[in-house]
């Protein structure tokens, strides 16, 4: 499955560059991922690095909070199969590319956590092949009333035929 005719490929062996010793330790994983991505495409209050989604023209930032949310709360992370934990780490290096080429699933969705919130969400879908297995990546973009669009969370699953 190609999204926007782009094939993104990775391998579990590539996650060695993150230097994670214990994949079950969410805090170590998050810390190591943030360290490696800091120089690549993470935005801060001082430096804004926007990624333009080609499907919408939307300018999107990736911040530390979005990376932390990707790995979820402690209970969620603990219950993920090791294969998915490693696959999530493998997607981190290609997150900007997946956002750039992602296809819109929904551009204007209300905040289901708080129906009174003025924040809305856009949802993108991308794919990545990790060791020749196609994963579908769901990418959430938080759109604030100020016009800031930020990567918030992503989930992934193996594409079923």
Protein backbone atom coordinates (compact mmCIF):
# COMPACT_ATOMS: atom_id res chain seq x y z
CA UNK A 1 0.00 0.00 0.00
CA UNK A 2 1.47 3.29 -1.08
CA UNK A 3 0.14 6.57 0.25
CA UNK A 4 0.53 9.39 -2.30
CA UNK A 5 2.76 7.06 -4.35
CA UNK A 6 5.58 7.25 -1.78
CA UNK A 7 7.11 4.13 -0.30
CA UNK A 8 8.77 4.68 3.06
CA UNK A 9 10.93 1.80 4.22
CA UNK A 10 12.80 0.99 7.41
CA UNK A 11 14.07 -1.96 9.37
CA UNK A 12 14.06 -2.93 13.01
CA UNK A 13 17.87 -3.12 12.75
CA UNK A 14 17.87 0.65 12.09
CA UNK A 15 16.61 1.37 15.61
CA UNK A 16 20.08 0.56 16.98
CA UNK A 17 20.98 4.20 16.30
CA UNK A 18 18.58 5.19 19.10
CA UNK A 19 20.79 3.23 21.53
CA UNK A 20 17.86 1.89 23.55
CA UNK A 21 18.91 -0.79 26.04
CA UNK A 22 15.46 -1.70 27.40
CA UNK A 23 12.54 -1.46 24.96
CA UNK A 24 10.12 -2.12 27.83
CA UNK A 25 11.22 1.11 29.56
CA UNK A 26 9.04 3.83 28.04
CA UNK A 27 11.06 6.59 29.70
CA UNK A 28 14.35 5.40 28.26
CA UNK A 29 12.77 4.94 24.82
CA UNK A 30 11.26 8.43 24.85
CA UNK A 31 14.47 10.05 26.09
CA UNK A 32 16.61 8.35 23.44
CA UNK A 33 14.15 9.10 20.62
CA UNK A 34 13.95 12.78 21.63
CA UNK A 35 17.74 13.02 21.80
CA UNK A 36 18.18 11.71 18.26
CA UNK A 37 15.31 13.73 16.76
CA UNK A 38 16.21 17.01 18.47
CA UNK A 39 18.61 18.01 15.71
CA UNK A 40 16.43 16.69 12.88
CA UNK A 41 12.93 18.12 12.98
CA UNK A 42 11.75 18.87 16.51
CA UNK A 43 10.45 22.39 17.03
CA UNK A 44 11.05 24.32 20.23
CA UNK A 45 9.87 27.73 21.46
CA UNK A 46 13.04 29.19 19.95
CA UNK A 47 13.24 27.23 16.69
CA UNK A 48 10.21 26.33 14.60
CA UNK A 49 10.70 23.59 12.01
CA UNK A 50 7.52 23.19 10.01
CA UNK A 51 6.61 20.28 7.77
CA UNK A 52 4.13 20.96 5.00
CA UNK A 53 1.59 18.24 4.34
CA UNK A 54 1.31 18.04 0.55
CA UNK A 55 -2.32 16.87 0.66
CA UNK A 56 -3.55 19.94 2.56
CA UNK A 57 -0.80 22.58 2.54
CA UNK A 58 -1.05 22.50 6.33
CA UNK A 59 2.14 23.51 8.17
CA UNK A 60 2.80 21.12 11.04
CA UNK A 61 5.34 21.13 13.86
CA UNK A 62 6.65 18.15 15.78
CA UNK A 63 7.38 18.89 19.43
CA UNK A 64 8.56 16.82 22.38
CA UNK A 65 5.04 16.49 23.76
CA UNK A 66 3.84 14.79 20.56
CA UNK A 67 6.68 12.27 20.72
CA UNK A 68 5.89 11.53 24.36
CA UNK A 69 2.20 11.04 23.50
CA UNK A 70 3.15 8.62 20.73
CA UNK A 71 4.43 6.16 23.30
CA UNK A 72 1.36 6.73 25.48
CA UNK A 73 0.77 6.32 29.17
CA UNK A 74 2.54 3.68 31.22
CA UNK A 75 -0.26 1.08 31.11
CA UNK A 76 -0.75 1.50 27.34
CA UNK A 77 2.96 1.17 26.62
CA UNK A 78 3.41 -1.81 28.94
CA UNK A 79 0.66 -3.70 27.09
CA UNK A 80 2.04 -3.09 23.60
CA UNK A 81 3.66 -6.13 21.99
CA UNK A 82 7.45 -5.77 21.67
CA UNK A 83 7.08 -5.88 17.86
CA UNK A 84 4.88 -2.75 17.94
CA UNK A 85 7.17 -0.96 20.42
CA UNK A 86 10.11 -1.49 18.07
CA UNK A 87 8.04 -0.57 15.01
CA UNK A 88 6.99 2.71 16.67
CA UNK A 89 10.64 3.52 17.31
CA UNK A 90 11.47 2.68 13.68
CA UNK A 91 8.81 5.14 12.49
CA UNK A 92 10.30 8.04 14.45
CA UNK A 93 13.11 8.64 11.98
CA UNK A 94 10.55 8.95 9.17
CA UNK A 95 7.85 10.86 11.01
CA UNK A 96 8.44 14.11 9.10
CA UNK A 97 8.25 12.25 5.78
CA UNK A 98 5.06 10.47 6.84
CA UNK A 99 3.50 13.81 7.79
CA UNK A 100 4.63 15.43 4.54
CA UNK A 101 3.18 12.69 2.33
CA UNK A 102 0.33 11.58 4.59
CA UNK A 103 -3.17 11.45 3.17
CA UNK A 104 -6.01 13.20 4.99
CA UNK A 105 -8.51 10.94 6.72
CA UNK A 106 -10.34 13.85 8.34
CA UNK A 107 -9.41 17.53 8.22
CA UNK A 108 -11.78 19.04 10.79
CA UNK A 109 -12.65 16.87 13.77
CA UNK A 110 -13.84 18.09 17.15
CA UNK A 111 -11.88 17.43 20.30
CA UNK A 112 -13.64 14.33 21.63
CA UNK A 113 -11.79 14.69 24.98
CA UNK A 114 -13.45 18.07 25.64
CA UNK A 115 -16.52 19.02 23.59
CA UNK A 116 -16.23 22.67 24.76
CA UNK A 117 -12.65 23.01 23.49
CA UNK A 118 -11.94 25.28 20.53
CA UNK A 119 -9.11 22.96 19.51
CA UNK A 120 -9.86 20.72 16.55
CA UNK A 121 -7.92 17.89 14.98
CA UNK A 122 -6.86 16.77 11.56
CA UNK A 123 -6.13 13.11 10.97
CA UNK A 124 -3.61 11.85 8.45
CA UNK A 125 -2.80 8.34 7.33
CA UNK A 126 0.53 7.13 6.05
CA UNK A 127 2.26 3.82 5.56
CA UNK A 128 5.71 2.51 6.26
CA UNK A 129 7.29 -0.81 5.39
CA UNK A 130 9.35 -2.19 8.25
CA UNK A 131 11.24 -5.31 7.23
CA UNK A 132 8.84 -5.70 4.27
CA UNK A 133 5.73 -5.60 6.48
CA UNK A 134 3.33 -2.76 5.70
CA UNK A 135 2.19 -0.76 8.71
CA UNK A 136 -0.61 1.80 8.56
CA UNK A 137 0.28 4.88 10.58
CA UNK A 138 -2.50 7.12 11.90
CA UNK A 139 -1.23 10.61 12.62
CA UNK A 140 -3.17 13.11 14.73
CA UNK A 141 -2.61 16.83 14.24
CA UNK A 142 -3.80 19.23 16.92
CA UNK A 143 -5.01 22.46 15.34
CA UNK A 144 -5.20 25.30 17.84
CA UNK A 145 -7.34 28.42 17.38
CA UNK A 146 -4.07 30.40 17.09
CA UNK A 147 -3.24 28.54 13.90
CA UNK A 148 -0.55 26.30 15.36
CA UNK A 149 -0.72 22.79 13.93
CA UNK A 150 1.17 20.27 15.99
CA UNK A 151 1.80 16.59 15.69
CA UNK A 152 0.13 15.11 18.71
CA UNK A 153 0.10 11.33 18.55
CA UNK A 154 0.30 8.42 16.15
CA UNK A 155 -0.66 4.82 16.24
CA UNK A 156 0.23 2.03 13.92
CA UNK A 157 -0.99 -1.38 12.98
CA UNK A 158 -0.03 -4.06 10.51
CA UNK A 159 -1.96 -3.67 7.27
CA UNK A 160 -4.21 -6.66 6.82
CA UNK A 161 -4.75 -7.94 3.30
